[in-house]
């Protein structure tokens, strides 16, 4: 990814991560609002998961840039955290494709079950990333 110029070196800070944490909390909280459309709940949970992946990539010393940034972020998540996160990263990449469809092409493409599953996965990822940060980058926890 570095050789392809899809990521660049970046020194993150605790302030940057805390800002991302607040955005994650907002998105995941809002994704649980039953009165929102299923598509919007899915999109908010997706954005929360994307920001969590961005946190991990930042802690690893990189920032994603250029086109296909979301796809690159989920690929870089595996490199940052390690192979134990590969299943989650692959799931999130599948969600990325569905989110693209609902954002750019049509409405009503997400089921209630899919929105709930993504929210649960994002909350699990939040716990995983925060534990990983505390273990590997305690100055940023």
N, C-alpha and C. Protein backbone atom coordinates (compact mmCIF):
# COMPACT_ATOMS: atom_id res chain seq x y z
N UNK A 1 0.81 -1.20 0.00
CA UNK A 1 0.00 0.00 0.00
C UNK A 1 0.86 1.27 0.00
N UNK A 2 1.95 1.21 0.73
CA UNK A 2 2.85 2.37 0.76
C UNK A 2 3.48 2.56 -0.62
N UNK A 3 3.93 1.47 -1.21
CA UNK A 3 4.55 1.56 -2.53
C UNK A 3 3.54 2.03 -3.58
N UNK A 4 2.28 1.70 -3.39
CA UNK A 4 1.23 2.11 -4.32
C UNK A 4 0.73 3.53 -4.03
N UNK A 5 1.28 4.14 -3.01
CA UNK A 5 0.91 5.50 -2.59
C UNK A 5 -0.56 5.61 -2.17
N UNK A 6 -1.07 4.51 -1.60
CA UNK A 6 -2.44 4.53 -1.08
C UNK A 6 -2.45 4.92 0.39
N UNK A 7 -1.30 4.86 1.02
CA UNK A 7 -1.12 5.35 2.39
C UNK A 7 0.15 6.18 2.42
N UNK A 8 0.22 7.04 3.43
CA UNK A 8 1.42 7.83 3.64
C UNK A 8 1.74 7.84 5.12
N UNK A 9 3.00 8.03 5.47
CA UNK A 9 3.35 8.09 6.89
C UNK A 9 2.59 9.21 7.59
N UNK A 10 2.18 8.92 8.81
CA UNK A 10 1.41 9.90 9.59
C UNK A 10 1.63 9.62 11.07
N UNK A 11 1.93 10.65 11.82
CA UNK A 11 2.06 10.53 13.27
C UNK A 11 0.76 11.02 13.89
N UNK A 12 -0.02 10.09 14.42
CA UNK A 12 -1.28 10.47 15.05
C UNK A 12 -1.01 11.01 16.45
N UNK A 13 -2.03 11.55 17.05
CA UNK A 13 -1.91 12.09 18.41
C UNK A 13 -3.10 11.61 19.24
N UNK A 14 -2.97 11.72 20.53
CA UNK A 14 -4.09 11.36 21.41
C UNK A 14 -5.28 12.25 21.12
N UNK A 15 -5.04 13.53 20.83
CA UNK A 15 -6.14 14.45 20.51
C UNK A 15 -6.87 14.00 19.25
N UNK A 16 -6.12 13.61 18.23
CA UNK A 16 -6.74 13.13 17.00
C UNK A 16 -7.59 11.90 17.27
N UNK A 17 -7.05 10.97 18.05
CA UNK A 17 -7.82 9.76 18.38
C UNK A 17 -9.03 10.08 19.23
N UNK A 18 -8.89 10.99 20.17
CA UNK A 18 -10.04 11.37 21.00
C UNK A 18 -11.14 12.01 20.16
N UNK A 19 -10.76 12.80 19.16
CA UNK A 19 -11.76 13.37 18.25
C UNK A 19 -12.47 12.26 17.48
N UNK A 20 -11.71 11.28 17.01
CA UNK A 20 -12.30 10.15 16.30
C UNK A 20 -13.20 9.34 17.23
N UNK A 21 -12.75 9.16 18.47
CA UNK A 21 -13.57 8.42 19.45
C UNK A 21 -14.93 9.08 19.65
N UNK A 22 -14.94 10.40 19.74
CA UNK A 22 -16.21 11.11 19.91
C UNK A 22 -17.12 10.92 18.69
N UNK A 23 -16.53 10.96 17.52
CA UNK A 23 -17.32 10.75 16.30
C UNK A 23 -17.84 9.32 16.23
N UNK A 24 -17.04 8.36 16.63
CA UNK A 24 -17.48 6.96 16.67
C UNK A 24 -18.66 6.81 17.62
N UNK A 25 -18.51 7.36 18.82
CA UNK A 25 -19.59 7.28 19.81
C UNK A 25 -20.88 7.88 19.27
N UNK A 26 -20.79 9.04 18.66
CA UNK A 26 -21.97 9.69 18.08
C UNK A 26 -22.61 8.81 17.02
N UNK A 27 -21.79 8.30 16.10
CA UNK A 27 -22.33 7.50 15.00
C UNK A 27 -22.97 6.22 15.50
N UNK A 28 -22.33 5.53 16.43
CA UNK A 28 -22.89 4.28 16.93
C UNK A 28 -24.14 4.52 17.77
N UNK A 29 -24.14 5.59 18.52
CA UNK A 29 -25.34 5.95 19.29
C UNK A 29 -26.50 6.26 18.34
N UNK A 30 -26.23 7.06 17.32
CA UNK A 30 -27.28 7.42 16.37
C UNK A 30 -27.73 6.22 15.54
N UNK A 31 -26.82 5.31 15.26
CA UNK A 31 -27.17 4.11 14.48
C UNK A 31 -28.18 3.23 15.21
N UNK A 32 -28.30 3.41 16.51
CA UNK A 32 -29.23 2.62 17.31
C UNK A 32 -30.62 3.27 17.42
N UNK A 33 -30.81 4.43 16.83
CA UNK A 33 -32.10 5.12 16.90
C UNK A 33 -33.09 4.42 15.96
N UNK A 34 -34.06 3.77 16.54
CA UNK A 34 -35.01 2.96 15.78
C UNK A 34 -35.83 3.78 14.79
N UNK A 35 -36.03 5.05 15.06
CA UNK A 35 -36.86 5.88 14.18
C UNK A 35 -36.15 6.26 12.87
N UNK A 36 -34.86 6.07 12.80
CA UNK A 36 -34.15 6.34 11.55
C UNK A 36 -34.43 5.23 10.55
N UNK A 37 -34.27 5.55 9.29
CA UNK A 37 -34.43 4.52 8.27
C UNK A 37 -33.35 3.46 8.45
N UNK A 38 -33.64 2.28 7.98
CA UNK A 38 -32.67 1.18 8.05
C UNK A 38 -31.39 1.55 7.30
N UNK A 39 -31.56 2.17 6.14
CA UNK A 39 -30.38 2.58 5.36
C UNK A 39 -29.50 3.53 6.15
N UNK A 40 -30.10 4.51 6.81
CA UNK A 40 -29.31 5.47 7.58
C UNK A 40 -28.68 4.85 8.81
N UNK A 41 -29.37 3.93 9.47
CA UNK A 41 -28.76 3.23 10.61
C UNK A 41 -27.54 2.43 10.15
N UNK A 42 -27.67 1.76 9.01
CA UNK A 42 -26.56 1.01 8.44
C UNK A 42 -25.39 1.94 8.11
N UNK A 43 -25.71 3.06 7.46
CA UNK A 43 -24.66 4.02 7.06
C UNK A 43 -23.93 4.59 8.28
N UNK A 44 -24.65 4.89 9.34
CA UNK A 44 -24.01 5.43 10.54
C UNK A 44 -23.14 4.39 11.23
N UNK A 45 -23.61 3.15 11.29
CA UNK A 45 -22.79 2.09 11.88
C UNK A 45 -21.54 1.87 11.04
N UNK A 46 -21.71 1.92 9.72
CA UNK A 46 -20.57 1.78 8.81
C UNK A 46 -19.55 2.90 9.04
N UNK A 47 -20.02 4.13 9.13
CA UNK A 47 -19.11 5.26 9.36
C UNK A 47 -18.36 5.10 10.68
N UNK A 48 -19.04 4.62 11.71
CA UNK A 48 -18.37 4.37 12.98
C UNK A 48 -17.27 3.34 12.84
N UNK A 49 -17.56 2.25 12.13
CA UNK A 49 -16.55 1.21 11.91
C UNK A 49 -15.38 1.74 11.08
N UNK A 50 -15.68 2.55 10.09
CA UNK A 50 -14.63 3.14 9.26
C UNK A 50 -13.70 4.01 10.10
N UNK A 51 -14.26 4.80 11.00
CA UNK A 51 -13.45 5.65 11.86
C UNK A 51 -12.59 4.83 12.82
N UNK A 52 -13.12 3.71 13.28
CA UNK A 52 -12.33 2.82 14.14
C UNK A 52 -11.15 2.24 13.38
N UNK A 53 -11.39 1.85 12.13
CA UNK A 53 -10.29 1.35 11.31
C UNK A 53 -9.26 2.46 11.08
N UNK A 54 -9.74 3.68 10.86
CA UNK A 54 -8.85 4.82 10.68
C UNK A 54 -7.99 5.04 11.93
N UNK A 55 -8.56 4.84 13.11
CA UNK A 55 -7.79 4.96 14.35
C UNK A 55 -6.63 3.97 14.36
N UNK A 56 -6.92 2.72 14.01
CA UNK A 56 -5.88 1.69 14.03
C UNK A 56 -4.79 1.99 13.02
N UNK A 57 -5.18 2.40 11.83
CA UNK A 57 -4.20 2.73 10.80
C UNK A 57 -3.34 3.91 11.25
N UNK A 58 -3.95 4.89 11.89
CA UNK A 58 -3.20 6.03 12.42
C UNK A 58 -2.21 5.61 13.50
N UNK A 59 -2.64 4.73 14.38
CA UNK A 59 -1.74 4.26 15.43
C UNK A 59 -0.55 3.50 14.85
N UNK A 60 -0.78 2.84 13.72
CA UNK A 60 0.30 2.10 13.06
C UNK A 60 1.25 3.03 12.31
N UNK A 61 0.90 4.33 12.26
CA UNK A 61 1.81 5.31 11.67
C UNK A 61 1.48 5.72 10.25
N UNK A 62 0.22 5.52 9.84
CA UNK A 62 -0.16 5.83 8.46
C UNK A 62 -1.48 6.58 8.38
N UNK A 63 -1.69 7.17 7.21
CA UNK A 63 -2.95 7.81 6.85
C UNK A 63 -3.26 7.37 5.43
N UNK A 64 -4.52 7.00 5.21
CA UNK A 64 -4.97 6.58 3.88
C UNK A 64 -5.21 7.82 3.05
N UNK A 65 -4.89 7.72 1.76
CA UNK A 65 -5.11 8.86 0.87
C UNK A 65 -5.54 8.37 -0.49
N UNK A 66 -6.09 9.27 -1.28
CA UNK A 66 -6.43 8.96 -2.65
C UNK A 66 -7.77 8.28 -2.83
N UNK A 67 -7.97 7.80 -4.03
CA UNK A 67 -9.22 7.13 -4.37
C UNK A 67 -9.31 5.78 -3.67
N UNK A 68 -10.53 5.29 -3.55
CA UNK A 68 -10.81 4.01 -2.90
C UNK A 68 -10.33 4.02 -1.45
N UNK A 69 -10.47 5.16 -0.79
CA UNK A 69 -9.96 5.32 0.58
C UNK A 69 -10.62 4.36 1.56
N UNK A 70 -11.91 4.12 1.44
CA UNK A 70 -12.57 3.21 2.38
C UNK A 70 -12.05 1.79 2.20
N UNK A 71 -11.93 1.35 0.96
CA UNK A 71 -11.42 0.02 0.68
C UNK A 71 -9.98 -0.11 1.20
N UNK A 72 -9.18 0.90 0.97
CA UNK A 72 -7.80 0.90 1.45
C UNK A 72 -7.75 0.87 2.97
N UNK A 73 -8.64 1.60 3.61
CA UNK A 73 -8.66 1.64 5.07
C UNK A 73 -8.91 0.26 5.65
N UNK A 74 -9.86 -0.48 5.09
CA UNK A 74 -10.14 -1.82 5.62
C UNK A 74 -9.01 -2.79 5.30
N UNK A 75 -8.34 -2.62 4.18
CA UNK A 75 -7.16 -3.42 3.90
C UNK A 75 -6.02 -3.10 4.85
N UNK A 76 -5.83 -1.82 5.12
CA UNK A 76 -4.77 -1.38 6.03
C UNK A 76 -5.06 -1.79 7.47
N UNK A 77 -6.35 -1.92 7.81
CA UNK A 77 -6.72 -2.38 9.16
C UNK A 77 -6.08 -3.73 9.44
N UNK A 78 -6.10 -4.63 8.47
CA UNK A 78 -5.49 -5.96 8.63
C UNK A 78 -3.99 -5.84 8.85
N UNK A 79 -3.36 -4.94 8.12
CA UNK A 79 -1.91 -4.76 8.27
C UNK A 79 -1.57 -4.13 9.61
N UNK A 80 -2.39 -3.22 10.07
CA UNK A 80 -2.12 -2.51 11.32
C UNK A 80 -2.29 -3.43 12.53
N UNK A 81 -3.43 -4.10 12.60
CA UNK A 81 -3.79 -4.86 13.80
C UNK A 81 -3.29 -6.29 13.73
N UNK A 82 -3.23 -6.86 12.55
CA UNK A 82 -2.75 -8.23 12.39
C UNK A 82 -3.82 -9.15 11.85
N UNK A 83 -3.43 -10.39 11.60
CA UNK A 83 -4.33 -11.34 10.94
C UNK A 83 -5.59 -11.67 11.73
N UNK A 84 -5.58 -11.46 13.03
CA UNK A 84 -6.76 -11.75 13.84
C UNK A 84 -7.96 -10.89 13.50
N UNK A 85 -7.75 -9.80 12.81
CA UNK A 85 -8.83 -8.88 12.45
C UNK A 85 -9.29 -9.08 11.01
N UNK A 86 -8.70 -10.02 10.30
CA UNK A 86 -8.98 -10.20 8.87
C UNK A 86 -10.45 -10.49 8.58
N UNK A 87 -11.09 -11.32 9.38
CA UNK A 87 -12.50 -11.66 9.15
C UNK A 87 -13.36 -10.40 9.28
N UNK A 88 -13.10 -9.60 10.29
CA UNK A 88 -13.85 -8.36 10.49
C UNK A 88 -13.60 -7.40 9.34
N UNK A 89 -12.35 -7.27 8.94
CA UNK A 89 -12.02 -6.35 7.83
C UNK A 89 -12.71 -6.78 6.54
N UNK A 90 -12.77 -8.07 6.28
CA UNK A 90 -13.45 -8.56 5.09
C UNK A 90 -14.95 -8.29 5.16
N UNK A 91 -15.54 -8.50 6.34
CA UNK A 91 -16.96 -8.20 6.53
C UNK A 91 -17.23 -6.71 6.28
N UNK A 92 -16.38 -5.86 6.82
CA UNK A 92 -16.57 -4.42 6.65
C UNK A 92 -16.41 -4.01 5.19
N UNK A 93 -15.53 -4.68 4.47
CA UNK A 93 -15.39 -4.38 3.05
C UNK A 93 -16.65 -4.78 2.28
N UNK A 94 -17.28 -5.88 2.66
CA UNK A 94 -18.56 -6.24 2.04
C UNK A 94 -19.62 -5.18 2.37
N UNK A 95 -19.62 -4.69 3.59
CA UNK A 95 -20.54 -3.63 3.98
C UNK A 95 -20.26 -2.35 3.20
N UNK A 96 -19.01 -2.12 2.89
CA UNK A 96 -18.64 -0.94 2.09
C UNK A 96 -19.35 -0.96 0.75
N UNK A 97 -19.36 -2.10 0.12
CA UNK A 97 -20.02 -2.21 -1.18
C UNK A 97 -21.53 -1.96 -1.06
N UNK A 98 -22.13 -2.49 -0.03
CA UNK A 98 -23.57 -2.27 0.19
C UNK A 98 -23.83 -0.80 0.50
N UNK A 99 -22.97 -0.19 1.31
CA UNK A 99 -23.12 1.22 1.65
C UNK A 99 -22.98 2.10 0.41
N UNK A 100 -22.08 1.73 -0.49
CA UNK A 100 -21.96 2.48 -1.75
C UNK A 100 -23.26 2.42 -2.53
N UNK A 101 -23.86 1.26 -2.57
CA UNK A 101 -25.12 1.09 -3.29
C UNK A 101 -26.21 1.98 -2.69
N UNK A 102 -26.34 1.96 -1.37
CA UNK A 102 -27.41 2.76 -0.76
C UNK A 102 -27.09 4.25 -0.78
N UNK A 103 -25.82 4.60 -0.81
CA UNK A 103 -25.45 6.02 -0.84
C UNK A 103 -25.57 6.64 -2.23
N UNK A 104 -25.31 5.85 -3.26
CA UNK A 104 -25.19 6.42 -4.59
C UNK A 104 -26.22 5.92 -5.60
N UNK A 105 -26.82 4.76 -5.34
CA UNK A 105 -27.65 4.16 -6.38
C UNK A 105 -29.14 4.02 -6.03
N UNK A 106 -29.44 3.58 -4.82
CA UNK A 106 -30.84 3.32 -4.50
C UNK A 106 -31.08 3.31 -3.00
N UNK A 107 -32.36 3.25 -2.64
CA UNK A 107 -32.76 3.20 -1.24
C UNK A 107 -33.39 1.84 -0.95
N UNK A 108 -33.43 1.49 0.32
CA UNK A 108 -34.08 0.27 0.72
C UNK A 108 -33.31 -1.00 0.38
N UNK A 109 -32.00 -0.90 0.30
CA UNK A 109 -31.19 -2.07 -0.07
C UNK A 109 -30.67 -2.83 1.15
N UNK A 110 -30.95 -2.32 2.34
CA UNK A 110 -30.44 -2.92 3.57
C UNK A 110 -31.63 -3.41 4.41
N UNK A 111 -31.49 -4.58 4.97
CA UNK A 111 -32.53 -5.10 5.85
C UNK A 111 -32.27 -4.66 7.29
N UNK A 112 -33.29 -4.75 8.12
CA UNK A 112 -33.13 -4.44 9.54
C UNK A 112 -32.07 -5.34 10.16
N UNK A 113 -32.05 -6.58 9.75
CA UNK A 113 -31.07 -7.53 10.29
C UNK A 113 -29.65 -7.10 9.93
N UNK A 114 -29.45 -6.68 8.69
CA UNK A 114 -28.11 -6.24 8.26
C UNK A 114 -27.67 -5.00 9.04
N UNK A 115 -28.58 -4.07 9.25
CA UNK A 115 -28.22 -2.86 10.01
C UNK A 115 -27.86 -3.22 11.45
N UNK A 116 -28.64 -4.11 12.05
CA UNK A 116 -28.36 -4.51 13.44
C UNK A 116 -27.05 -5.28 13.53
N UNK A 117 -26.79 -6.15 12.57
CA UNK A 117 -25.53 -6.91 12.56
C UNK A 117 -24.33 -5.99 12.43
N UNK A 118 -24.43 -5.00 11.55
CA UNK A 118 -23.30 -4.08 11.38
C UNK A 118 -23.08 -3.25 12.64
N UNK A 119 -24.15 -2.82 13.28
CA UNK A 119 -24.00 -2.06 14.53
C UNK A 119 -23.31 -2.93 15.59
N UNK A 120 -23.73 -4.18 15.71
CA UNK A 120 -23.10 -5.08 16.68
C UNK A 120 -21.62 -5.30 16.34
N UNK A 121 -21.34 -5.46 15.08
CA UNK A 121 -19.95 -5.66 14.65
C UNK A 121 -19.11 -4.41 14.92
N UNK A 122 -19.68 -3.25 14.68
CA UNK A 122 -18.96 -1.99 14.95
C UNK A 122 -18.67 -1.84 16.43
N UNK A 123 -19.64 -2.19 17.27
CA UNK A 123 -19.41 -2.10 18.72
C UNK A 123 -18.33 -3.08 19.17
N UNK A 124 -18.34 -4.26 18.60
CA UNK A 124 -17.30 -5.24 18.90
C UNK A 124 -15.93 -4.74 18.44
N UNK A 125 -15.90 -4.16 17.25
CA UNK A 125 -14.66 -3.59 16.73
C UNK A 125 -14.16 -2.48 17.63
N UNK A 126 -15.06 -1.68 18.14
CA UNK A 126 -14.67 -0.59 19.05
C UNK A 126 -13.92 -1.16 20.25
N UNK A 127 -14.45 -2.20 20.84
CA UNK A 127 -13.79 -2.83 21.98
C UNK A 127 -12.43 -3.40 21.58
N UNK A 128 -12.39 -4.08 20.45
CA UNK A 128 -11.14 -4.67 19.96
C UNK A 128 -10.08 -3.60 19.71
N UNK A 129 -10.46 -2.53 19.04
CA UNK A 129 -9.49 -1.48 18.71
C UNK A 129 -9.01 -0.78 19.97
N UNK A 130 -9.92 -0.48 20.89
CA UNK A 130 -9.50 0.19 22.12
C UNK A 130 -8.55 -0.69 22.94
N UNK A 131 -8.81 -2.00 22.98
CA UNK A 131 -7.89 -2.91 23.68
C UNK A 131 -6.54 -2.96 22.97
N UNK A 132 -6.58 -3.00 21.64
CA UNK A 132 -5.35 -3.04 20.86
C UNK A 132 -4.53 -1.76 21.07
N UNK A 133 -5.20 -0.62 21.06
CA UNK A 133 -4.50 0.65 21.29
C UNK A 133 -3.87 0.65 22.68
N UNK A 134 -4.63 0.26 23.69
CA UNK A 134 -4.12 0.25 25.07
C UNK A 134 -2.90 -0.67 25.20
N UNK A 135 -2.94 -1.80 24.51
CA UNK A 135 -1.84 -2.76 24.59
C UNK A 135 -0.61 -2.33 23.80
N UNK A 136 -0.83 -1.79 22.62
CA UNK A 136 0.27 -1.52 21.69
C UNK A 136 0.70 -0.06 21.61
N UNK A 137 -0.19 0.83 22.00
CA UNK A 137 0.09 2.28 21.93
C UNK A 137 -0.51 2.96 23.17
N UNK A 138 -0.05 2.59 24.36
CA UNK A 138 -0.69 3.07 25.59
C UNK A 138 -0.70 4.59 25.71
N UNK A 139 0.24 5.25 25.09
CA UNK A 139 0.27 6.72 25.15
C UNK A 139 -0.90 7.33 24.40
N UNK A 140 -1.58 6.56 23.57
CA UNK A 140 -2.71 7.05 22.78
C UNK A 140 -4.06 6.57 23.33
N UNK A 141 -4.01 5.77 24.37
CA UNK A 141 -5.25 5.21 24.95
C UNK A 141 -6.01 6.26 25.75
